[in-house]
N, C-alpha and C. Protein backbone atom coordinates (compact mmCIF):
# COMPACT_ATOMS: atom_id res chain seq x y z
N MET A 1 237.70 53.68 64.13
CA MET A 1 238.39 54.50 65.31
C MET A 1 238.95 55.54 65.13
N ILE A 2 238.78 56.86 65.85
CA ILE A 2 239.05 58.26 65.45
C ILE A 2 240.63 58.21 65.98
N LYS A 3 241.62 58.80 65.02
CA LYS A 3 242.94 58.72 65.54
C LYS A 3 243.17 60.21 66.14
N ALA A 4 243.72 60.33 67.24
CA ALA A 4 243.84 61.44 67.98
C ALA A 4 244.90 62.34 67.43
N ILE A 5 244.65 63.64 67.36
CA ILE A 5 245.34 64.82 66.78
C ILE A 5 246.35 65.07 68.12
N LYS A 6 247.95 64.90 67.63
CA LYS A 6 248.81 65.29 68.59
C LYS A 6 248.77 66.75 68.37
N PRO A 7 249.10 67.38 69.90
CA PRO A 7 249.48 68.61 69.90
C PRO A 7 250.58 69.19 69.38
N LYS A 8 250.81 70.53 68.83
CA LYS A 8 251.98 71.18 68.30
C LYS A 8 252.29 72.32 69.31
N LYS A 9 253.93 72.61 69.37
CA LYS A 9 254.29 73.71 69.80
C LYS A 9 254.13 74.79 68.71
N CYS A 10 253.91 75.72 69.16
CA CYS A 10 253.70 77.26 68.59
C CYS A 10 254.93 77.54 68.10
N LYS A 11 254.94 78.26 66.95
CA LYS A 11 256.32 78.41 66.15
C LYS A 11 256.87 79.46 66.48
N CYS A 12 255.87 80.46 67.30
CA CYS A 12 256.50 81.96 67.68
C CYS A 12 257.36 82.00 68.79
N GLY A 13 257.53 80.64 69.38
CA GLY A 13 258.95 80.96 70.25
C GLY A 13 257.97 80.81 71.79
N CYS A 14 256.76 80.93 71.94
CA CYS A 14 256.29 81.35 73.29
C CYS A 14 256.38 79.95 74.23
N GLY A 15 256.31 79.06 73.44
CA GLY A 15 256.41 77.67 74.52
C GLY A 15 255.04 76.74 74.55
N ASP A 16 253.98 77.52 73.89
CA ASP A 16 252.54 77.10 74.15
C ASP A 16 252.41 75.82 73.35
N SER A 17 251.64 74.91 73.46
CA SER A 17 251.17 73.90 72.63
C SER A 17 249.67 73.97 72.29
N PHE A 18 249.18 73.45 71.31
CA PHE A 18 247.78 73.50 70.65
C PHE A 18 247.50 72.39 69.82
N VAL A 19 246.02 72.29 69.90
CA VAL A 19 245.91 71.13 68.89
C VAL A 19 245.50 71.86 67.85
N PRO A 20 246.34 71.25 66.60
CA PRO A 20 245.83 72.02 65.63
C PRO A 20 244.35 71.71 64.81
N ARG A 21 243.77 72.49 63.98
CA ARG A 21 242.40 72.19 63.33
C ARG A 21 242.96 71.38 62.15
N ARG A 22 244.10 71.90 61.40
CA ARG A 22 244.64 71.58 60.37
C ARG A 22 245.84 71.15 60.50
N SER A 23 246.21 70.21 59.24
CA SER A 23 247.70 69.86 59.42
C SER A 23 248.72 70.95 59.25
N THR A 24 248.13 72.11 58.37
CA THR A 24 248.92 72.78 58.15
C THR A 24 249.22 74.22 59.43
N ASP A 25 248.26 74.26 60.56
CA ASP A 25 248.67 75.18 61.69
C ASP A 25 249.79 75.00 62.02
N LYS A 26 250.39 76.09 62.42
CA LYS A 26 251.59 76.46 63.25
C LYS A 26 251.94 76.88 64.58
N TRP A 27 250.57 77.83 64.43
CA TRP A 27 250.52 78.93 65.69
C TRP A 27 249.31 78.72 66.23
N VAL A 28 249.30 79.36 67.62
CA VAL A 28 248.39 78.68 68.49
C VAL A 28 246.72 79.80 68.18
N ASN A 29 247.18 80.94 67.69
CA ASN A 29 246.15 82.05 66.91
C ASN A 29 246.67 83.01 66.17
N SER A 30 246.23 83.89 65.55
CA SER A 30 246.44 84.80 64.60
C SER A 30 247.17 85.76 65.60
N ASP A 31 247.49 86.03 66.95
CA ASP A 31 248.34 86.75 67.84
C ASP A 31 249.61 86.52 67.49
N HIS A 32 249.74 84.92 67.87
CA HIS A 32 250.88 84.26 67.99
C HIS A 32 251.51 84.52 66.44
N TYR A 33 250.76 84.34 65.52
CA TYR A 33 251.02 84.37 64.25
C TYR A 33 252.05 85.64 63.83
N ARG A 34 251.24 87.02 64.33
CA ARG A 34 252.15 88.04 64.25
C ARG A 34 253.20 88.29 64.77
N THR A 35 253.03 87.67 66.33
CA THR A 35 254.33 87.65 67.04
C THR A 35 255.60 87.29 66.42
N TRP A 36 255.32 85.83 65.73
CA TRP A 36 256.01 85.36 64.93
C TRP A 36 256.62 86.03 63.45
N LEU A 37 255.64 86.69 63.08
CA LEU A 37 256.13 87.52 62.13
C LEU A 37 257.38 88.58 62.20
N LEU A 38 256.84 89.12 63.23
CA LEU A 38 257.72 90.43 63.92
C LEU A 38 258.92 90.11 64.46
N ASN A 39 258.73 89.05 65.45
CA ASN A 39 259.88 88.70 65.96
C ASN A 39 260.91 87.45 65.90
N THR A 40 260.85 86.86 64.67
CA THR A 40 261.79 85.61 64.42
C THR A 40 262.32 86.12 62.86
N PRO A 41 263.31 85.42 62.38
CA PRO A 41 263.95 85.53 61.31
C PRO A 41 263.21 85.02 60.28
N GLU A 42 262.58 83.92 60.35
CA GLU A 42 261.75 83.33 59.54
C GLU A 42 260.41 84.27 59.19
N GLY A 43 259.80 84.94 60.34
CA GLY A 43 258.99 85.59 60.20
C GLY A 43 259.38 87.23 59.29
N GLN A 44 260.58 87.56 59.15
CA GLN A 44 260.80 88.45 58.63
C GLN A 44 260.97 88.06 57.42
N LYS A 45 261.72 87.05 57.10
CA LYS A 45 261.60 86.31 55.71
C LYS A 45 260.13 86.42 55.09
N GLU A 46 259.33 86.04 55.60
CA GLU A 46 257.88 85.87 55.33
C GLU A 46 257.11 87.56 55.03
N ILE A 47 257.43 88.08 55.84
CA ILE A 47 257.06 89.58 55.75
C ILE A 47 257.49 90.30 54.25
N GLU A 48 258.83 89.84 53.94
CA GLU A 48 259.65 90.27 52.91
C GLU A 48 259.02 89.64 51.89
N LYS A 49 258.60 88.41 52.00
CA LYS A 49 258.11 87.44 50.62
C LYS A 49 257.09 88.33 50.20
N LYS A 50 255.86 88.54 51.48
CA LYS A 50 254.60 89.20 51.38
C LYS A 50 254.74 90.51 50.70
N ALA A 51 255.66 91.01 51.21
CA ALA A 51 255.75 92.56 50.28
C ALA A 51 255.81 92.57 48.90
N LEU A 52 256.80 91.47 48.63
CA LEU A 52 257.16 91.61 47.08
C LEU A 52 256.26 91.00 46.53
N LYS A 53 255.34 90.20 46.70
CA LYS A 53 254.09 89.71 46.03
C LYS A 53 253.14 90.79 46.20
N ALA A 54 253.11 91.48 47.05
CA ALA A 54 251.87 92.66 46.97
C ALA A 54 252.42 93.73 46.03
N LYS A 55 253.75 94.03 45.87
CA LYS A 55 254.19 94.91 44.94
C LYS A 55 254.15 94.50 43.40
N LYS A 56 254.74 93.12 43.40
CA LYS A 56 254.06 92.70 42.06
C LYS A 56 252.63 92.86 41.56
N GLN A 57 251.96 92.52 42.47
CA GLN A 57 250.29 92.57 42.27
C GLN A 57 250.04 94.05 42.13
N VAL A 58 250.25 95.30 42.65
CA VAL A 58 250.35 96.56 42.49
C VAL A 58 250.82 96.90 40.90
N ALA A 59 252.20 96.34 40.74
CA ALA A 59 252.62 96.43 39.52
C ALA A 59 251.46 96.37 38.39
N GLN A 60 251.05 94.88 38.42
CA GLN A 60 250.36 93.94 37.79
C GLN A 60 249.15 95.07 37.51
N ASP A 61 248.45 95.31 38.45
CA ASP A 61 247.28 96.25 38.53
C ASP A 61 247.42 97.51 37.77
N GLU A 62 248.45 97.96 38.08
CA GLU A 62 248.91 99.33 37.33
C GLU A 62 249.19 99.20 35.82
N LYS A 63 249.52 98.26 35.55
CA LYS A 63 249.94 97.87 33.99
C LYS A 63 248.37 97.47 33.40
N LYS A 64 247.80 96.84 33.93
CA LYS A 64 246.24 96.35 33.43
C LYS A 64 245.81 97.68 33.36
N GLU A 65 245.45 98.71 34.33
CA GLU A 65 244.93 99.93 34.25
C GLU A 65 245.34 100.70 33.39
N TRP A 66 246.51 100.59 32.91
CA TRP A 66 247.20 101.66 32.01
C TRP A 66 246.95 100.93 30.38
N SER A 67 246.80 100.07 30.62
CA SER A 67 246.28 99.27 29.12
C SER A 67 245.10 99.48 28.96
N GLU A 68 244.11 99.49 30.17
CA GLU A 68 242.75 99.91 29.46
C GLU A 68 242.50 101.08 29.45
N LYS A 69 243.44 101.90 29.87
CA LYS A 69 243.46 103.59 29.49
C LYS A 69 243.78 103.98 27.99
N VAL A 70 245.00 103.15 27.53
CA VAL A 70 245.26 103.26 26.27
C VAL A 70 244.47 102.45 25.31
N ASN A 71 243.91 101.50 25.57
CA ASN A 71 242.53 100.87 24.76
C ASN A 71 241.59 101.93 24.38
N LYS A 72 241.23 102.51 25.57
CA LYS A 72 240.16 103.55 25.29
C LYS A 72 240.58 104.83 24.86
N TRP A 73 241.95 105.20 24.89
CA TRP A 73 242.50 106.45 24.41
C TRP A 73 242.92 106.17 22.94
N ARG A 74 243.14 105.19 22.29
CA ARG A 74 243.53 105.13 20.94
C ARG A 74 242.34 104.91 19.96
N PRO A 75 241.32 104.44 20.14
CA PRO A 75 239.96 104.44 19.48
C PRO A 75 239.46 106.01 19.18
N VAL A 76 239.56 106.62 20.46
CA VAL A 76 239.03 108.33 20.21
C VAL A 76 240.26 108.98 19.41
N THR A 77 241.32 108.56 19.77
CA THR A 77 242.41 109.59 18.90
C THR A 77 242.56 109.23 17.37
N HIS A 78 242.19 107.78 17.11
CA HIS A 78 242.23 107.63 15.82
C HIS A 78 240.98 107.35 15.03
N GLU A 79 240.13 107.69 15.66
CA GLU A 79 238.40 107.46 15.62
C GLU A 79 238.31 107.53 13.71
N LYS A 80 238.70 108.35 13.36
CA LYS A 80 238.24 108.70 11.95
C LYS A 80 239.18 107.68 11.43
N GLU A 81 240.32 107.52 11.51
CA GLU A 81 241.17 106.56 10.52
C GLU A 81 240.53 105.22 10.54
N TYR A 82 239.95 104.59 12.05
CA TYR A 82 239.20 103.29 12.29
C TYR A 82 237.94 103.20 11.53
N LYS A 83 237.43 104.58 11.18
CA LYS A 83 235.97 104.33 10.33
C LYS A 83 236.23 103.85 9.25
N ARG A 84 237.50 104.82 8.66
CA ARG A 84 237.71 104.19 7.26
C ARG A 84 238.04 102.75 6.94
N GLN A 85 238.77 102.17 7.86
CA GLN A 85 239.59 101.24 7.79
C GLN A 85 238.24 99.98 8.06
N LEU A 86 237.35 100.42 8.79
CA LEU A 86 236.05 99.44 8.99
C LEU A 86 235.31 99.35 7.50
N GLN A 87 235.28 100.46 7.20
CA GLN A 87 234.27 100.46 5.77
C GLN A 87 235.27 99.46 4.90
N ILE A 88 236.75 99.64 4.77
CA ILE A 88 237.26 98.83 3.75
C ILE A 88 237.20 97.35 4.02
N GLU A 89 237.43 97.22 5.42
CA GLU A 89 237.48 95.67 5.61
C GLU A 89 235.68 95.03 5.31
N ILE A 90 234.85 96.19 5.54
CA ILE A 90 233.41 95.64 5.32
C ILE A 90 233.35 95.59 3.63
N ASN A 91 233.85 96.24 3.02
CA ASN A 91 233.99 96.41 1.41
C ASN A 91 234.34 94.90 1.12
N LYS A 92 235.83 94.46 1.49
CA LYS A 92 236.43 93.36 1.18
C LYS A 92 235.28 92.16 1.55
N LEU A 93 234.82 92.16 2.71
CA LEU A 93 234.10 90.91 3.04
C LEU A 93 232.66 91.01 2.09
N SER A 94 232.50 92.15 1.59
CA SER A 94 230.83 91.98 0.78
C SER A 94 231.65 91.36 -0.55
N ARG A 95 232.71 91.70 -0.98
CA ARG A 95 233.11 91.50 -2.47
C ARG A 95 233.71 89.68 -1.93
N MET A 96 233.84 89.23 -0.92
CA MET A 96 234.21 88.04 -0.77
C MET A 96 233.28 86.99 -0.84
N ILE A 97 231.95 87.57 -0.52
CA ILE A 97 230.79 86.78 -0.38
C ILE A 97 230.17 86.68 -1.46
N ASP A 98 230.16 87.86 -2.31
CA ASP A 98 230.11 87.56 -3.77
C ASP A 98 230.66 86.60 -4.63
N ALA A 99 231.90 86.74 -4.66
CA ALA A 99 233.04 85.89 -5.05
C ALA A 99 232.56 84.52 -4.82
N LYS A 100 232.66 84.03 -3.42
CA LYS A 100 232.12 82.77 -3.01
C LYS A 100 230.90 82.12 -3.88
N PHE A 101 230.10 82.91 -3.76
CA PHE A 101 228.59 82.52 -4.64
C PHE A 101 228.64 82.61 -6.11
N GLY A 102 229.68 82.96 -6.99
CA GLY A 102 229.90 82.95 -8.17
C GLY A 102 229.36 84.14 -8.76
N TYR A 103 229.13 85.34 -8.00
CA TYR A 103 228.67 86.45 -8.84
C TYR A 103 229.82 87.22 -9.34
N ASN A 104 230.30 86.80 -10.16
CA ASN A 104 231.50 87.45 -11.18
C ASN A 104 231.22 88.58 -11.97
N THR A 105 230.04 89.15 -11.83
CA THR A 105 229.59 89.90 -12.91
C THR A 105 229.08 91.40 -12.16
N CYS A 106 229.34 92.46 -12.63
CA CYS A 106 228.57 93.88 -12.12
C CYS A 106 227.16 93.66 -11.58
N ILE A 107 226.90 93.98 -10.66
CA ILE A 107 225.86 94.48 -10.01
C ILE A 107 224.85 95.35 -11.09
N ASP A 108 225.67 96.06 -11.56
CA ASP A 108 224.59 97.26 -12.16
C ASP A 108 224.68 96.92 -13.87
N CYS A 109 225.75 96.70 -14.52
CA CYS A 109 225.90 96.35 -15.79
C CYS A 109 225.82 95.02 -16.15
N GLY A 110 226.02 94.05 -15.39
CA GLY A 110 225.95 92.37 -15.81
C GLY A 110 227.33 92.11 -16.33
N LYS A 111 228.17 93.07 -16.65
CA LYS A 111 229.23 92.39 -17.23
C LYS A 111 230.31 92.19 -16.51
N PRO A 112 231.21 91.13 -16.78
CA PRO A 112 232.50 90.72 -16.21
C PRO A 112 233.31 92.16 -15.49
N PHE A 113 233.73 91.86 -14.48
CA PHE A 113 234.86 92.94 -13.45
C PHE A 113 235.67 93.21 -14.72
N GLY A 114 236.05 94.55 -14.33
CA GLY A 114 237.72 94.97 -14.83
C GLY A 114 238.80 94.48 -13.90
N SER A 115 239.81 95.45 -13.81
CA SER A 115 240.77 95.64 -13.04
C SER A 115 240.68 96.13 -11.63
N GLN A 116 239.36 96.62 -11.27
CA GLN A 116 239.15 96.89 -10.06
C GLN A 116 237.57 96.76 -9.77
N VAL A 117 237.42 96.03 -8.63
CA VAL A 117 235.98 95.83 -8.33
C VAL A 117 235.88 96.37 -6.72
N ASP A 118 234.48 97.26 -6.95
CA ASP A 118 234.31 98.02 -6.17
C ASP A 118 233.01 97.40 -5.08
N ALA A 119 232.98 97.73 -3.94
CA ALA A 119 231.63 97.24 -3.01
C ALA A 119 231.06 98.65 -2.93
N ALA A 120 229.82 98.64 -4.15
CA ALA A 120 229.12 99.39 -4.22
C ALA A 120 227.88 99.59 -3.16
N HIS A 121 227.40 100.91 -2.62
CA HIS A 121 225.94 100.99 -1.64
C HIS A 121 225.26 101.40 -2.82
N TYR A 122 224.36 100.62 -2.57
CA TYR A 122 222.83 100.89 -3.57
C TYR A 122 222.22 102.07 -2.53
N ASN A 123 221.86 102.12 -1.41
CA ASN A 123 221.74 103.40 -0.94
C ASN A 123 222.93 104.09 -0.23
N GLY A 124 223.03 105.39 -0.96
CA GLY A 124 223.72 106.26 -0.85
C GLY A 124 224.30 106.82 0.76
N VAL A 125 225.40 106.70 1.32
CA VAL A 125 225.85 106.75 2.59
C VAL A 125 225.85 108.46 3.21
N GLY A 126 225.66 109.38 1.98
CA GLY A 126 225.85 110.77 1.87
C GLY A 126 224.87 111.29 3.08
N SER A 127 223.55 110.62 2.61
CA SER A 127 222.01 111.22 3.74
C SER A 127 222.17 110.56 4.71
N ASN A 128 222.97 109.25 4.69
CA ASN A 128 222.54 108.18 6.16
C ASN A 128 223.71 107.60 6.23
N HIS A 129 224.52 107.96 7.04
CA HIS A 129 225.52 107.14 7.41
C HIS A 129 225.27 105.92 8.13
N SER A 130 224.18 105.58 8.56
CA SER A 130 223.71 104.41 9.55
C SER A 130 223.90 103.01 8.78
N ILE A 131 223.94 103.05 7.54
CA ILE A 131 223.64 102.09 6.57
C ILE A 131 224.87 101.86 5.89
N ARG A 132 226.09 102.28 6.02
CA ARG A 132 227.04 102.41 5.34
C ARG A 132 227.96 101.19 5.47
N TYR A 133 227.69 100.43 6.89
CA TYR A 133 228.59 99.08 6.92
C TYR A 133 227.26 98.23 6.79
N ASN A 134 226.28 98.18 6.35
CA ASN A 134 225.24 96.87 6.19
C ASN A 134 225.48 96.24 4.72
N LEU A 135 225.85 95.03 4.79
CA LEU A 135 226.14 94.02 3.98
C LEU A 135 225.34 94.04 2.97
N HIS A 136 224.02 94.41 3.46
CA HIS A 136 222.56 94.15 2.29
C HIS A 136 223.03 95.23 1.42
N ASN A 137 223.23 96.37 1.72
CA ASN A 137 223.46 97.65 1.25
C ASN A 137 224.82 97.70 0.05
N LEU A 138 225.78 96.27 0.36
CA LEU A 138 226.98 96.44 -0.52
C LEU A 138 227.05 94.83 -1.70
N HIS A 139 227.25 95.82 -2.50
CA HIS A 139 227.43 94.35 -3.79
C HIS A 139 228.65 95.13 -4.97
N SER A 140 228.98 93.50 -5.20
CA SER A 140 230.23 94.09 -6.00
C SER A 140 229.93 94.67 -7.42
N ALA A 141 230.60 95.76 -8.13
CA ALA A 141 230.42 96.46 -9.27
C ALA A 141 231.44 96.94 -9.77
N LYS A 142 231.58 96.85 -11.12
CA LYS A 142 232.88 97.67 -11.80
C LYS A 142 232.90 98.92 -11.25
N SER A 143 234.22 99.15 -11.03
CA SER A 143 234.71 100.41 -10.47
C SER A 143 234.16 101.76 -11.21
N ASP A 144 234.33 101.56 -12.54
CA ASP A 144 233.77 102.59 -13.42
C ASP A 144 232.35 102.82 -13.44
N CYS A 145 231.17 101.68 -13.30
CA CYS A 145 230.07 101.94 -12.82
C CYS A 145 229.58 102.32 -11.87
N ASN A 146 230.40 102.00 -10.71
CA ASN A 146 230.15 102.51 -9.46
C ASN A 146 230.58 104.08 -9.26
N GLN A 147 231.57 104.65 -9.74
CA GLN A 147 231.98 105.62 -9.51
C GLN A 147 231.72 107.01 -10.72
N TYR A 148 231.43 106.24 -12.13
CA TYR A 148 231.42 107.33 -13.03
C TYR A 148 230.14 107.29 -13.85
N SER A 149 229.08 106.16 -13.60
CA SER A 149 228.03 105.99 -14.55
C SER A 149 226.87 106.91 -14.13
N ASP A 150 226.17 107.28 -14.97
CA ASP A 150 225.07 108.46 -14.62
C ASP A 150 223.76 107.20 -14.47
N LYS A 151 223.81 106.14 -14.93
CA LYS A 151 222.69 105.11 -15.03
C LYS A 151 223.14 104.10 -13.86
N HIS A 152 223.91 104.22 -12.89
CA HIS A 152 224.32 103.36 -12.19
C HIS A 152 223.11 102.89 -10.94
N LYS A 153 222.44 104.03 -10.54
CA LYS A 153 221.30 103.64 -9.70
C LYS A 153 220.22 102.76 -10.43
N GLN A 154 220.08 102.97 -11.79
CA GLN A 154 218.98 102.16 -12.22
C GLN A 154 219.46 100.94 -12.73
N GLY A 155 220.56 100.55 -13.32
CA GLY A 155 221.38 99.29 -13.29
C GLY A 155 221.40 98.50 -11.83
N TYR A 156 221.75 99.16 -10.76
CA TYR A 156 221.72 98.41 -9.87
C TYR A 156 220.64 97.85 -9.05
N GLU A 157 219.57 98.65 -9.28
CA GLU A 157 218.11 98.06 -9.30
C GLU A 157 217.50 97.03 -10.10
N GLU A 158 217.94 97.00 -11.15
CA GLU A 158 217.76 95.92 -11.95
C GLU A 158 218.55 94.58 -11.71
N GLY A 159 219.92 95.08 -11.30
CA GLY A 159 220.62 93.86 -10.86
C GLY A 159 220.28 93.20 -9.84
N LEU A 160 219.81 93.96 -8.63
CA LEU A 160 219.36 93.19 -7.76
C LEU A 160 217.82 92.13 -7.94
N LYS A 161 217.14 92.96 -8.68
CA LYS A 161 216.06 92.24 -8.79
C LYS A 161 215.95 91.05 -9.78
N LYS A 162 216.93 91.05 -10.53
CA LYS A 162 217.40 89.81 -11.63
C LYS A 162 217.89 88.49 -10.92
N ARG A 163 218.86 89.50 -9.74
CA ARG A 163 219.94 88.40 -9.35
C ARG A 163 219.01 87.59 -8.11
N TYR A 164 218.30 88.58 -7.10
CA TYR A 164 217.74 88.07 -5.68
C TYR A 164 216.13 88.17 -5.68
N GLY A 165 215.30 88.68 -6.66
CA GLY A 165 214.15 88.79 -6.49
C GLY A 165 213.30 90.18 -6.04
N LEU A 166 212.49 90.47 -6.39
CA LEU A 166 211.86 91.68 -5.81
C LEU A 166 211.70 91.68 -4.31
N GLU A 167 211.53 90.92 -3.75
CA GLU A 167 211.27 91.28 -2.32
C GLU A 167 212.64 91.50 -1.28
N TYR A 168 213.69 90.89 -2.15
CA TYR A 168 214.80 91.16 -1.31
C TYR A 168 215.44 92.70 -1.71
N TYR A 169 215.03 93.53 -3.00
CA TYR A 169 215.19 94.53 -3.72
C TYR A 169 214.66 95.45 -2.63
N GLU A 170 213.37 95.14 -2.57
CA GLU A 170 212.61 96.00 -1.55
C GLU A 170 213.02 96.09 -0.19
N ARG A 171 213.86 94.94 0.34
CA ARG A 171 214.10 95.02 1.50
C ARG A 171 215.62 95.89 1.40
N VAL A 172 216.34 95.84 0.67
CA VAL A 172 217.55 96.75 0.40
C VAL A 172 216.87 98.09 0.25
N CYS A 173 215.90 98.47 -0.39
CA CYS A 173 215.41 99.89 -0.50
C CYS A 173 214.78 100.51 0.79
N SER A 174 214.56 99.39 1.87
CA SER A 174 213.89 99.63 3.26
C SER A 174 215.29 100.00 4.18
N LEU A 175 216.31 99.78 3.91
CA LEU A 175 217.34 100.24 5.24
C LEU A 175 217.36 101.31 5.61
N PRO A 176 217.25 102.58 4.82
CA PRO A 176 217.50 104.07 5.06
C PRO A 176 216.27 103.86 6.12
N SER A 177 214.95 103.64 5.95
CA SER A 177 213.94 103.65 6.69
C SER A 177 213.87 102.78 8.31
N VAL A 178 214.84 101.62 8.18
CA VAL A 178 214.75 100.80 9.09
C VAL A 178 215.84 101.37 10.35
N TYR A 179 217.02 101.69 9.50
CA TYR A 179 218.07 102.06 10.31
C TYR A 179 218.39 103.45 10.05
N THR A 180 217.44 104.30 10.78
CA THR A 180 217.70 105.79 10.51
C THR A 180 218.64 106.51 11.51
N TYR A 181 218.98 105.83 12.43
CA TYR A 181 220.05 106.39 13.24
C TYR A 181 220.89 105.52 14.08
N VAL A 182 221.96 105.06 13.23
CA VAL A 182 223.16 104.18 13.98
C VAL A 182 224.28 105.02 14.54
N LYS A 183 224.15 104.94 15.70
CA LYS A 183 225.78 105.70 16.26
C LYS A 183 226.65 104.62 16.94
N LEU A 184 227.76 104.83 16.50
CA LEU A 184 228.91 103.88 17.15
C LEU A 184 229.94 104.60 17.58
N SER A 185 230.15 104.56 19.09
CA SER A 185 231.22 105.40 19.62
C SER A 185 232.68 104.82 19.16
N ALA A 186 233.48 105.53 19.39
CA ALA A 186 234.83 105.38 18.87
C ALA A 186 235.40 103.92 19.20
N VAL A 187 235.16 103.51 20.51
CA VAL A 187 235.41 102.12 21.21
C VAL A 187 234.64 101.19 20.09
N GLU A 188 233.51 101.48 20.06
CA GLU A 188 232.54 100.36 19.15
C GLU A 188 233.54 100.27 17.98
N VAL A 189 233.28 101.32 17.22
CA VAL A 189 234.13 101.17 15.93
C VAL A 189 235.49 100.43 16.00
N TYR A 190 236.22 100.51 17.07
CA TYR A 190 237.62 99.74 17.09
C TYR A 190 237.01 98.46 17.45
N GLU A 191 236.09 97.73 18.23
CA GLU A 191 235.94 96.72 18.27
C GLU A 191 235.08 95.70 17.29
N LYS A 192 234.30 96.71 16.51
CA LYS A 192 233.92 96.09 15.17
C LYS A 192 234.99 95.72 13.70
N LEU A 193 235.77 96.87 14.08
CA LEU A 193 236.91 96.69 12.92
C LEU A 193 237.71 95.24 13.30
N LYS A 194 237.92 94.82 14.83
CA LYS A 194 238.77 93.83 15.01
C LYS A 194 237.71 92.39 14.61
N ILE A 195 236.47 92.56 14.90
CA ILE A 195 235.65 91.33 14.53
C ILE A 195 235.78 91.21 13.04
N VAL A 196 235.61 92.30 11.98
CA VAL A 196 235.61 92.26 10.61
C VAL A 196 236.76 91.53 10.09
N ARG A 197 237.76 92.18 10.74
CA ARG A 197 239.32 91.80 10.13
C ARG A 197 239.38 90.20 10.67
N GLY A 198 238.87 89.78 11.68
CA GLY A 198 239.17 88.25 12.44
C GLY A 198 238.25 87.45 11.15
N ILE A 199 237.03 87.82 10.88
CA ILE A 199 235.98 87.31 9.72
C ILE A 199 236.94 87.11 8.49
N ASN A 200 237.51 88.00 8.13
CA ASN A 200 238.12 88.09 6.74
C ASN A 200 239.30 87.09 6.67
N ARG A 201 239.96 87.35 7.95
CA ARG A 201 241.14 86.35 7.72
C ARG A 201 240.66 84.80 7.88
N HIS A 202 239.63 84.49 8.34
CA HIS A 202 239.36 83.07 8.52
C HIS A 202 237.98 82.61 7.70
N PHE A 203 237.75 83.57 6.66
CA PHE A 203 236.45 83.60 5.86
C PHE A 203 236.32 82.14 5.06
N ALA A 204 237.10 81.39 4.91
CA ALA A 204 237.25 80.33 4.17
C ALA A 204 236.51 79.38 5.16
N THR A 205 236.58 79.55 6.39
CA THR A 205 235.90 78.54 7.12
C THR A 205 234.50 78.64 7.36
N TYR A 206 233.88 79.82 7.01
CA TYR A 206 232.51 79.97 7.21
C TYR A 206 231.57 79.68 5.87
N ASP A 207 230.35 79.20 6.23
CA ASP A 207 229.81 78.69 4.94
C ASP A 207 228.27 78.91 5.47
N ALA A 208 227.39 79.27 4.00
CA ALA A 208 225.81 79.35 4.46
C ALA A 208 225.21 79.09 3.50
N PRO A 209 223.90 78.95 2.90
CA PRO A 209 223.24 78.38 1.99
C PRO A 209 223.40 79.36 0.60
N SER A 210 223.34 80.78 1.22
CA SER A 210 223.15 81.57 0.06
C SER A 210 224.20 83.11 0.37
N SER A 211 224.45 83.78 -0.51
CA SER A 211 224.63 85.16 -0.22
C SER A 211 223.95 86.06 0.53
N VAL A 212 222.66 86.08 0.05
CA VAL A 212 221.95 86.50 1.30
C VAL A 212 221.98 86.42 3.02
N SER A 213 221.89 84.98 2.79
CA SER A 213 222.06 84.37 4.33
C SER A 213 223.24 84.75 4.69
N MET A 214 224.40 84.64 4.18
CA MET A 214 225.57 84.90 4.35
C MET A 214 225.71 86.53 5.13
N ARG A 215 225.11 87.16 4.23
CA ARG A 215 225.35 88.80 4.61
C ARG A 215 224.40 88.61 5.80
N GLU A 216 223.22 88.11 6.03
CA GLU A 216 222.45 88.15 7.10
C GLU A 216 223.45 87.50 8.73
N MET A 217 224.00 86.62 8.26
CA MET A 217 225.05 85.81 9.63
C MET A 217 225.98 87.01 9.60
N PHE A 218 226.68 87.53 8.71
CA PHE A 218 227.78 88.35 9.55
C PHE A 218 227.41 89.78 9.90
N ASN A 219 226.16 90.40 9.39
CA ASN A 219 225.86 91.30 9.94
C ASN A 219 225.43 91.15 11.46
N LYS A 220 224.73 90.03 11.94
CA LYS A 220 224.72 89.67 13.26
C LYS A 220 225.88 89.55 14.29
N VAL A 221 226.91 88.72 13.17
CA VAL A 221 228.20 88.47 14.18
C VAL A 221 228.92 89.79 14.18
N ILE A 222 228.61 90.72 13.44
CA ILE A 222 229.54 92.09 13.55
C ILE A 222 228.76 93.05 14.53
N GLY A 223 227.48 92.66 14.73
CA GLY A 223 226.71 93.31 15.59
C GLY A 223 226.32 94.91 15.59
N ILE A 224 226.37 95.62 14.21
CA ILE A 224 225.77 96.58 14.22
C ILE A 224 224.27 96.64 13.95
N TYR A 225 223.99 95.59 13.03
CA TYR A 225 222.70 95.75 12.58
C TYR A 225 221.82 94.61 13.28
N ASP A 226 220.66 94.53 13.66
CA ASP A 226 220.30 93.46 14.55
C ASP A 226 218.78 93.17 13.70
N LEU A 227 218.65 93.64 12.49
CA LEU A 227 217.52 93.07 11.94
C LEU A 227 218.00 92.66 10.24
């Protein structure tokens, strides 16, 4: 048996009755609702409530828009510094990978590290900045070998072959031809910096079967190099 819906009196004060379609219906139609808003104390309070809600929403939208503008402006203004910071964090990640897998000797001379350990680029970045952040191009070396030795390149070459084999060495050599041009916008540099900082903070939670595969994994996570 279907229960009959009782008619209601319209709240606008018109005296009309109506059969509500929903239990929350209080007015005959939208015109009566507008009459209630404009001509009753309750309606005026509802208008004030809606105006306050709209004002808050506008303020939230303006705050969000300003925040987005600031986030876009900040990377552009500090692009050079963020690039420097990104290289520092990438270098740190490279050294942590080597340490995780027990590579505690210089990739160049094979001797234990001194007081300072560099993340040394095999392919110099002076002629090709596109590979400066590639983890395959970065391996831990003694600071004096990396910065001062005239045999650094030759020692690095032998170190890669001895540690990882000829195939990997050739892969590292091919990076400049694979990534002939990689351009990051200021905003992209800022976003990549946040990603790498997050990886470094939580480095202990990551795992991989080898330092090569871990470099591969993090290259993909960072998202600058797709191969």
